Amino acid sequence: MEEELNEKDLFDLLSKKNREIRKAIEDRWNNKNEIQLTKSEWFILDRINYGQEMLADVCKNGEITRQGTHKLIRKLEAQGLVKLTNLDENKRNKYVQLTQLGLNCYEENKALKQALEERIKNALGQAAYDELKKTLAADWQL
């Protein structure tokens, strides 16, 4: 562990930990459910969450290309997790929102994340966990 701290900068460590956590969440979901979802699909579901989002706004996420986002949404729609609705009379603008199945999956995944967060809190200890959250939430003036 000491060697890793010396070899990697803060950004590498944060990135590595983020990948590990996202992978753990994805694996827990996929091992437990018939509906297999990737981290990119979860990213889209998280962007939509409980609301009704303009498809164009979901595509402006900065993480996935517009074309990639459309492809993911079509796949999620085929799985019954999201539905697209035309905006008024304009067939070009659409809303995307979670279906009931999508909401159920979102809630179940949220519970998995909360359980993993609890494990992290137990591993770090309450004081270190609180300090970590405070540090990550702080304005780093970037």
N, C-alpha and C. Protein backbone atom coordinates (compact mmCIF):
# COMPACT_ATOMS: atom_id res chain seq x y z
N MET A 1 0.82 -1.19 0.00
CA MET A 1 0.00 0.00 0.00
C MET A 1 0.87 1.26 0.00
N GLU A 2 1.91 1.26 0.80
CA GLU A 2 2.80 2.43 0.87
C GLU A 2 3.44 2.69 -0.49
N GLU A 3 3.80 1.60 -1.20
CA GLU A 3 4.41 1.75 -2.52
C GLU A 3 3.42 2.39 -3.50
N GLU A 4 2.16 1.97 -3.43
CA GLU A 4 1.14 2.55 -4.31
C GLU A 4 0.97 4.03 -4.03
N LEU A 5 1.00 4.44 -2.77
CA LEU A 5 0.87 5.85 -2.42
C LEU A 5 2.01 6.66 -3.00
N ASN A 6 3.19 6.10 -3.02
CA ASN A 6 4.35 6.80 -3.55
C ASN A 6 4.36 6.86 -5.07
N GLU A 7 3.80 5.84 -5.73
CA GLU A 7 3.85 5.75 -7.18
C GLU A 7 2.72 6.52 -7.87
N LYS A 8 1.61 6.70 -7.21
CA LYS A 8 0.44 7.30 -7.85
C LYS A 8 0.13 8.65 -7.24
N ASP A 9 -0.34 9.56 -8.11
CA ASP A 9 -0.75 10.85 -7.59
C ASP A 9 -2.21 10.78 -7.14
N LEU A 10 -2.69 11.84 -6.58
CA LEU A 10 -4.05 11.90 -6.05
C LEU A 10 -5.10 11.53 -7.11
N PHE A 11 -4.90 12.02 -8.32
CA PHE A 11 -5.89 11.79 -9.38
C PHE A 11 -5.96 10.32 -9.77
N ASP A 12 -4.80 9.66 -9.84
CA ASP A 12 -4.78 8.24 -10.14
C ASP A 12 -5.46 7.44 -9.04
N LEU A 13 -5.21 7.80 -7.79
CA LEU A 13 -5.83 7.10 -6.67
C LEU A 13 -7.35 7.29 -6.66
N LEU A 14 -7.80 8.51 -6.89
CA LEU A 14 -9.25 8.77 -6.94
C LEU A 14 -9.90 8.01 -8.09
N SER A 15 -9.26 8.03 -9.25
CA SER A 15 -9.79 7.35 -10.42
C SER A 15 -9.86 5.84 -10.19
N LYS A 16 -8.79 5.29 -9.63
CA LYS A 16 -8.76 3.85 -9.36
C LYS A 16 -9.86 3.45 -8.38
N LYS A 17 -10.02 4.21 -7.32
CA LYS A 17 -11.04 3.90 -6.32
C LYS A 17 -12.45 4.02 -6.93
N ASN A 18 -12.66 5.04 -7.75
CA ASN A 18 -13.95 5.21 -8.41
C ASN A 18 -14.25 4.01 -9.31
N ARG A 19 -13.28 3.56 -10.09
CA ARG A 19 -13.48 2.39 -10.96
C ARG A 19 -13.80 1.15 -10.13
N GLU A 20 -13.07 0.95 -9.02
CA GLU A 20 -13.30 -0.21 -8.16
C GLU A 20 -14.72 -0.19 -7.59
N ILE A 21 -15.15 0.96 -7.13
CA ILE A 21 -16.48 1.07 -6.53
C ILE A 21 -17.56 0.85 -7.59
N ARG A 22 -17.42 1.50 -8.74
CA ARG A 22 -18.41 1.33 -9.81
C ARG A 22 -18.49 -0.12 -10.27
N LYS A 23 -17.34 -0.78 -10.37
CA LYS A 23 -17.29 -2.18 -10.78
C LYS A 23 -17.97 -3.05 -9.72
N ALA A 24 -17.72 -2.77 -8.45
CA ALA A 24 -18.34 -3.54 -7.37
C ALA A 24 -19.87 -3.41 -7.41
N ILE A 25 -20.35 -2.19 -7.67
CA ILE A 25 -21.80 -1.97 -7.75
C ILE A 25 -22.38 -2.71 -8.95
N GLU A 26 -21.71 -2.58 -10.09
CA GLU A 26 -22.18 -3.25 -11.30
C GLU A 26 -22.20 -4.77 -11.12
N ASP A 27 -21.13 -5.32 -10.54
CA ASP A 27 -21.06 -6.77 -10.33
C ASP A 27 -22.14 -7.25 -9.37
N ARG A 28 -22.37 -6.50 -8.29
CA ARG A 28 -23.41 -6.89 -7.34
C ARG A 28 -24.78 -6.93 -8.02
N TRP A 29 -25.05 -5.93 -8.84
CA TRP A 29 -26.32 -5.89 -9.55
C TRP A 29 -26.42 -7.07 -10.51
N ASN A 30 -25.41 -7.25 -11.37
CA ASN A 30 -25.46 -8.26 -12.42
C ASN A 30 -25.46 -9.69 -11.88
N ASN A 31 -24.86 -9.90 -10.70
CA ASN A 31 -24.87 -11.23 -10.09
C ASN A 31 -26.23 -11.57 -9.48
N LYS A 32 -27.04 -10.54 -9.24
CA LYS A 32 -28.29 -10.72 -8.52
C LYS A 32 -29.53 -10.63 -9.42
N ASN A 33 -29.37 -10.10 -10.63
CA ASN A 33 -30.53 -9.80 -11.46
C ASN A 33 -30.40 -10.35 -12.88
N GLU A 34 -31.55 -10.64 -13.46
CA GLU A 34 -31.59 -11.10 -14.85
C GLU A 34 -31.27 -9.97 -15.82
N ILE A 35 -31.69 -8.78 -15.50
CA ILE A 35 -31.42 -7.62 -16.36
C ILE A 35 -29.98 -7.19 -16.10
N GLN A 36 -29.12 -7.41 -17.08
CA GLN A 36 -27.71 -7.07 -16.96
C GLN A 36 -27.48 -5.66 -17.49
N LEU A 37 -26.87 -4.81 -16.67
CA LEU A 37 -26.65 -3.43 -17.06
C LEU A 37 -25.18 -3.06 -16.88
N THR A 38 -24.70 -2.23 -17.80
CA THR A 38 -23.32 -1.75 -17.74
C THR A 38 -23.27 -0.45 -16.95
N LYS A 39 -22.06 -0.02 -16.61
CA LYS A 39 -21.93 1.24 -15.88
C LYS A 39 -22.43 2.41 -16.72
N SER A 40 -22.30 2.34 -18.04
CA SER A 40 -22.81 3.41 -18.90
C SER A 40 -24.33 3.46 -18.87
N GLU A 41 -24.96 2.30 -18.85
CA GLU A 41 -26.42 2.26 -18.75
C GLU A 41 -26.88 2.80 -17.40
N TRP A 42 -26.16 2.45 -16.33
CA TRP A 42 -26.50 3.00 -15.02
C TRP A 42 -26.30 4.50 -14.99
N PHE A 43 -25.28 4.97 -15.69
CA PHE A 43 -25.03 6.41 -15.76
C PHE A 43 -26.25 7.12 -16.37
N ILE A 44 -26.79 6.55 -17.44
CA ILE A 44 -27.98 7.13 -18.09
C ILE A 44 -29.17 7.06 -17.13
N LEU A 45 -29.39 5.93 -16.49
CA LEU A 45 -30.51 5.81 -15.55
C LEU A 45 -30.38 6.80 -14.40
N ASP A 46 -29.15 7.01 -13.93
CA ASP A 46 -28.93 7.99 -12.87
C ASP A 46 -29.23 9.40 -13.34
N ARG A 47 -28.94 9.70 -14.60
CA ARG A 47 -29.22 11.04 -15.14
C ARG A 47 -30.73 11.28 -15.20
N ILE A 48 -31.48 10.23 -15.48
CA ILE A 48 -32.94 10.36 -15.60
C ILE A 48 -33.57 10.31 -14.21
N ASN A 49 -33.15 9.39 -13.39
CA ASN A 49 -33.67 9.05 -12.07
C ASN A 49 -35.18 9.24 -11.99
N TYR A 50 -35.69 10.03 -11.09
CA TYR A 50 -37.13 10.09 -10.86
C TYR A 50 -37.85 11.06 -11.78
N GLY A 51 -37.14 11.79 -12.58
CA GLY A 51 -37.75 12.83 -13.38
C GLY A 51 -38.09 12.41 -14.80
N GLN A 52 -38.46 13.41 -15.54
CA GLN A 52 -38.71 13.28 -16.96
C GLN A 52 -37.75 14.25 -17.62
N GLU A 53 -36.74 13.73 -18.29
CA GLU A 53 -35.67 14.56 -18.84
C GLU A 53 -35.81 14.69 -20.34
N MET A 54 -35.43 15.84 -20.84
CA MET A 54 -35.35 16.02 -22.29
C MET A 54 -34.24 15.12 -22.80
N LEU A 55 -34.51 14.40 -23.87
CA LEU A 55 -33.51 13.51 -24.45
C LEU A 55 -32.24 14.28 -24.78
N ALA A 56 -32.38 15.49 -25.30
CA ALA A 56 -31.21 16.31 -25.64
C ALA A 56 -30.36 16.61 -24.41
N ASP A 57 -31.00 16.82 -23.25
CA ASP A 57 -30.26 17.10 -22.02
C ASP A 57 -29.51 15.87 -21.53
N VAL A 58 -30.11 14.71 -21.66
CA VAL A 58 -29.45 13.47 -21.27
C VAL A 58 -28.23 13.25 -22.15
N CYS A 59 -28.35 13.62 -23.42
CA CYS A 59 -27.24 13.45 -24.37
C CYS A 59 -26.09 14.42 -24.08
N LYS A 60 -26.35 15.50 -23.37
CA LYS A 60 -25.32 16.49 -23.05
C LYS A 60 -24.62 16.16 -21.74
N ASN A 61 -24.40 14.89 -21.48
CA ASN A 61 -23.84 14.49 -20.19
C ASN A 61 -22.34 14.64 -20.10
N GLY A 62 -21.65 14.79 -21.22
CA GLY A 62 -20.21 14.98 -21.19
C GLY A 62 -19.41 13.70 -20.99
N GLU A 63 -20.07 12.62 -20.65
CA GLU A 63 -19.39 11.35 -20.41
C GLU A 63 -19.47 10.43 -21.62
N ILE A 64 -20.60 10.46 -22.28
CA ILE A 64 -20.87 9.54 -23.39
C ILE A 64 -21.28 10.40 -24.60
N THR A 65 -20.86 9.99 -25.77
CA THR A 65 -21.21 10.75 -26.97
C THR A 65 -22.72 10.76 -27.17
N ARG A 66 -23.19 11.72 -27.94
CA ARG A 66 -24.62 11.81 -28.25
C ARG A 66 -25.11 10.53 -28.92
N GLN A 67 -24.34 10.05 -29.88
CA GLN A 67 -24.70 8.81 -30.57
C GLN A 67 -24.72 7.63 -29.61
N GLY A 68 -23.72 7.56 -28.74
CA GLY A 68 -23.66 6.49 -27.75
C GLY A 68 -24.82 6.55 -26.78
N THR A 69 -25.20 7.76 -26.38
CA THR A 69 -26.33 7.94 -25.46
C THR A 69 -27.62 7.47 -26.12
N HIS A 70 -27.82 7.83 -27.37
CA HIS A 70 -29.02 7.38 -28.10
C HIS A 70 -29.06 5.86 -28.17
N LYS A 71 -27.92 5.25 -28.45
CA LYS A 71 -27.86 3.79 -28.54
C LYS A 71 -28.20 3.15 -27.20
N LEU A 72 -27.65 3.70 -26.11
CA LEU A 72 -27.95 3.17 -24.79
C LEU A 72 -29.42 3.33 -24.43
N ILE A 73 -29.99 4.46 -24.77
CA ILE A 73 -31.41 4.70 -24.46
C ILE A 73 -32.29 3.75 -25.25
N ARG A 74 -31.94 3.49 -26.51
CA ARG A 74 -32.72 2.52 -27.30
C ARG A 74 -32.63 1.13 -26.66
N LYS A 75 -31.45 0.76 -26.18
CA LYS A 75 -31.29 -0.54 -25.53
C LYS A 75 -32.10 -0.59 -24.23
N LEU A 76 -32.03 0.48 -23.44
CA LEU A 76 -32.81 0.53 -22.20
C LEU A 76 -34.31 0.50 -22.48
N GLU A 77 -34.72 1.14 -23.56
CA GLU A 77 -36.13 1.12 -23.95
C GLU A 77 -36.55 -0.29 -24.35
N ALA A 78 -35.69 -1.00 -25.10
CA ALA A 78 -36.00 -2.37 -25.51
C ALA A 78 -36.11 -3.30 -24.31
N GLN A 79 -35.38 -2.99 -23.24
CA GLN A 79 -35.44 -3.80 -22.02
C GLN A 79 -36.61 -3.39 -21.13
N GLY A 80 -37.33 -2.36 -21.52
CA GLY A 80 -38.49 -1.93 -20.76
C GLY A 80 -38.16 -1.05 -19.57
N LEU A 81 -36.96 -0.47 -19.53
CA LEU A 81 -36.54 0.34 -18.38
C LEU A 81 -36.84 1.82 -18.54
N VAL A 82 -36.90 2.30 -19.78
CA VAL A 82 -37.23 3.71 -20.04
C VAL A 82 -38.25 3.78 -21.15
N LYS A 83 -38.91 4.92 -21.20
CA LYS A 83 -39.83 5.15 -22.32
C LYS A 83 -39.58 6.56 -22.85
N LEU A 84 -39.72 6.70 -24.14
CA LEU A 84 -39.58 7.99 -24.81
C LEU A 84 -40.96 8.52 -25.15
N THR A 85 -41.14 9.81 -24.95
CA THR A 85 -42.41 10.46 -25.22
C THR A 85 -42.14 11.72 -26.03
N ASN A 86 -42.91 11.90 -27.10
CA ASN A 86 -42.78 13.12 -27.89
C ASN A 86 -43.21 14.33 -27.08
N LEU A 87 -42.53 15.42 -27.29
CA LEU A 87 -42.85 16.67 -26.63
C LEU A 87 -43.89 17.40 -27.47
N ASP A 88 -45.08 17.50 -26.93
CA ASP A 88 -46.19 18.17 -27.61
C ASP A 88 -46.32 17.67 -29.04
N GLU A 89 -46.38 18.60 -29.98
CA GLU A 89 -46.56 18.24 -31.39
C GLU A 89 -45.22 18.05 -32.10
N ASN A 90 -44.14 18.39 -31.45
CA ASN A 90 -42.82 18.33 -32.06
C ASN A 90 -42.25 16.92 -31.91
N LYS A 91 -42.14 16.19 -33.00
CA LYS A 91 -41.65 14.82 -32.93
C LYS A 91 -40.13 14.75 -32.77
N ARG A 92 -39.48 15.88 -32.95
CA ARG A 92 -38.02 15.91 -32.84
C ARG A 92 -37.57 15.94 -31.37
N ASN A 93 -38.27 16.69 -30.56
CA ASN A 93 -37.94 16.78 -29.14
C ASN A 93 -38.68 15.70 -28.37
N LYS A 94 -37.94 14.99 -27.53
CA LYS A 94 -38.54 13.90 -26.78
C LYS A 94 -38.12 13.97 -25.32
N TYR A 95 -39.00 13.44 -24.49
CA TYR A 95 -38.70 13.22 -23.08
C TYR A 95 -38.32 11.75 -22.91
N VAL A 96 -37.47 11.49 -21.95
CA VAL A 96 -37.16 10.13 -21.56
C VAL A 96 -37.39 10.02 -20.06
N GLN A 97 -38.02 8.95 -19.65
CA GLN A 97 -38.25 8.73 -18.22
C GLN A 97 -38.24 7.24 -17.94
N LEU A 98 -38.04 6.92 -16.68
CA LEU A 98 -38.02 5.52 -16.27
C LEU A 98 -39.43 4.96 -16.26
N THR A 99 -39.56 3.71 -16.68
CA THR A 99 -40.82 2.98 -16.54
C THR A 99 -40.90 2.48 -15.10
N GLN A 100 -41.98 1.81 -14.77
CA GLN A 100 -42.09 1.24 -13.43
C GLN A 100 -40.98 0.23 -13.19
N LEU A 101 -40.68 -0.60 -14.19
CA LEU A 101 -39.59 -1.55 -14.08
C LEU A 101 -38.27 -0.81 -13.88
N GLY A 102 -38.07 0.26 -14.63
CA GLY A 102 -36.87 1.08 -14.49
C GLY A 102 -36.75 1.68 -13.10
N LEU A 103 -37.86 2.17 -12.58
CA LEU A 103 -37.87 2.72 -11.21
C LEU A 103 -37.54 1.65 -10.18
N ASN A 104 -38.11 0.45 -10.37
CA ASN A 104 -37.82 -0.65 -9.44
C ASN A 104 -36.33 -1.00 -9.46
N CYS A 105 -35.76 -1.08 -10.66
CA CYS A 105 -34.33 -1.37 -10.79
C CYS A 105 -33.49 -0.26 -10.17
N TYR A 106 -33.88 0.98 -10.43
CA TYR A 106 -33.16 2.13 -9.89
C TYR A 106 -33.17 2.10 -8.36
N GLU A 107 -34.31 1.80 -7.77
CA GLU A 107 -34.43 1.73 -6.31
C GLU A 107 -33.60 0.58 -5.74
N GLU A 108 -33.64 -0.56 -6.41
CA GLU A 108 -32.87 -1.71 -5.94
C GLU A 108 -31.37 -1.42 -6.02
N ASN A 109 -30.94 -0.77 -7.10
CA ASN A 109 -29.53 -0.42 -7.25
C ASN A 109 -29.12 0.62 -6.21
N LYS A 110 -30.02 1.54 -5.92
CA LYS A 110 -29.76 2.55 -4.90
C LYS A 110 -29.52 1.87 -3.54
N ALA A 111 -30.30 0.84 -3.24
CA ALA A 111 -30.13 0.09 -1.99
C ALA A 111 -28.79 -0.64 -1.99
N LEU A 112 -28.38 -1.20 -3.13
CA LEU A 112 -27.07 -1.85 -3.23
C LEU A 112 -25.95 -0.85 -2.96
N LYS A 113 -26.09 0.35 -3.51
CA LYS A 113 -25.08 1.39 -3.30
C LYS A 113 -25.03 1.81 -1.83
N GLN A 114 -26.19 1.93 -1.19
CA GLN A 114 -26.22 2.30 0.21
C GLN A 114 -25.57 1.23 1.08
N ALA A 115 -25.79 -0.04 0.73
CA ALA A 115 -25.17 -1.14 1.49
C ALA A 115 -23.65 -1.11 1.32
N LEU A 116 -23.20 -0.85 0.11
CA LEU A 116 -21.75 -0.77 -0.14
C LEU A 116 -21.16 0.44 0.58
N GLU A 117 -21.88 1.54 0.59
CA GLU A 117 -21.42 2.72 1.32
C GLU A 117 -21.29 2.41 2.82
N GLU A 118 -22.21 1.65 3.33
CA GLU A 118 -22.16 1.26 4.75
C GLU A 118 -20.92 0.40 5.02
N ARG A 119 -20.60 -0.50 4.09
CA ARG A 119 -19.39 -1.33 4.23
C ARG A 119 -18.13 -0.46 4.23
N ILE A 120 -18.12 0.54 3.35
CA ILE A 120 -16.97 1.45 3.27
C ILE A 120 -16.85 2.22 4.58
N LYS A 121 -17.99 2.69 5.10
CA LYS A 121 -18.00 3.42 6.37
C LYS A 121 -17.44 2.54 7.49
N ASN A 122 -17.84 1.28 7.52
CA ASN A 122 -17.35 0.36 8.55
C ASN A 122 -15.85 0.10 8.39
N ALA A 123 -15.40 0.01 7.15
CA ALA A 123 -13.97 -0.25 6.89
C ALA A 123 -13.12 0.95 7.29
N LEU A 124 -13.61 2.16 7.02
CA LEU A 124 -12.84 3.38 7.31
C LEU A 124 -12.97 3.83 8.76
N GLY A 125 -14.12 3.56 9.34
CA GLY A 125 -14.44 4.12 10.66
C GLY A 125 -15.24 5.39 10.45
N GLN A 126 -16.12 5.68 11.39
CA GLN A 126 -17.04 6.81 11.26
C GLN A 126 -16.31 8.14 11.06
N ALA A 127 -15.28 8.41 11.86
CA ALA A 127 -14.58 9.70 11.77
C ALA A 127 -13.91 9.88 10.41
N ALA A 128 -13.22 8.85 9.93
CA ALA A 128 -12.54 8.95 8.63
C ALA A 128 -13.56 9.06 7.50
N TYR A 129 -14.67 8.33 7.63
CA TYR A 129 -15.74 8.39 6.63
C TYR A 129 -16.33 9.80 6.57
N ASP A 130 -16.64 10.38 7.70
CA ASP A 130 -17.19 11.73 7.74
C ASP A 130 -16.21 12.74 7.15
N GLU A 131 -14.95 12.59 7.48
CA GLU A 131 -13.91 13.50 6.96
C GLU A 131 -13.77 13.35 5.44
N LEU A 132 -13.82 12.12 4.96
CA LEU A 132 -13.74 11.87 3.52
C LEU A 132 -14.89 12.53 2.79
N LYS A 133 -16.11 12.35 3.28
CA LYS A 133 -17.27 12.97 2.65
C LYS A 133 -17.16 14.49 2.67
N LYS A 134 -16.72 15.03 3.78
CA LYS A 134 -16.55 16.47 3.91
C LYS A 134 -15.50 16.98 2.90
N THR A 135 -14.41 16.26 2.79
CA THR A 135 -13.35 16.64 1.87
C THR A 135 -13.80 16.56 0.43
N LEU A 136 -14.50 15.50 0.08
CA LEU A 136 -14.96 15.34 -1.31
C LEU A 136 -16.04 16.36 -1.67
N ALA A 137 -16.82 16.79 -0.71
CA ALA A 137 -17.89 17.76 -0.95
C ALA A 137 -17.37 19.21 -0.96
N ALA A 138 -16.17 19.40 -0.45
CA ALA A 138 -15.61 20.76 -0.36
C ALA A 138 -15.34 21.36 -1.74
N ASP A 139 -15.34 22.67 -1.82
CA ASP A 139 -14.97 23.38 -3.04
C ASP A 139 -13.45 23.42 -3.11
N TRP A 140 -12.89 22.70 -4.05
CA TRP A 140 -11.44 22.63 -4.20
C TRP A 140 -10.89 23.77 -5.07
N GLN A 141 -11.74 24.65 -5.46
CA GLN A 141 -11.38 25.84 -6.26
C GLN A 141 -10.56 25.46 -7.49
N LEU A 142 -11.09 24.51 -8.23
CA LEU A 142 -10.43 24.07 -9.46
C LEU A 142 -10.77 25.01 -10.58
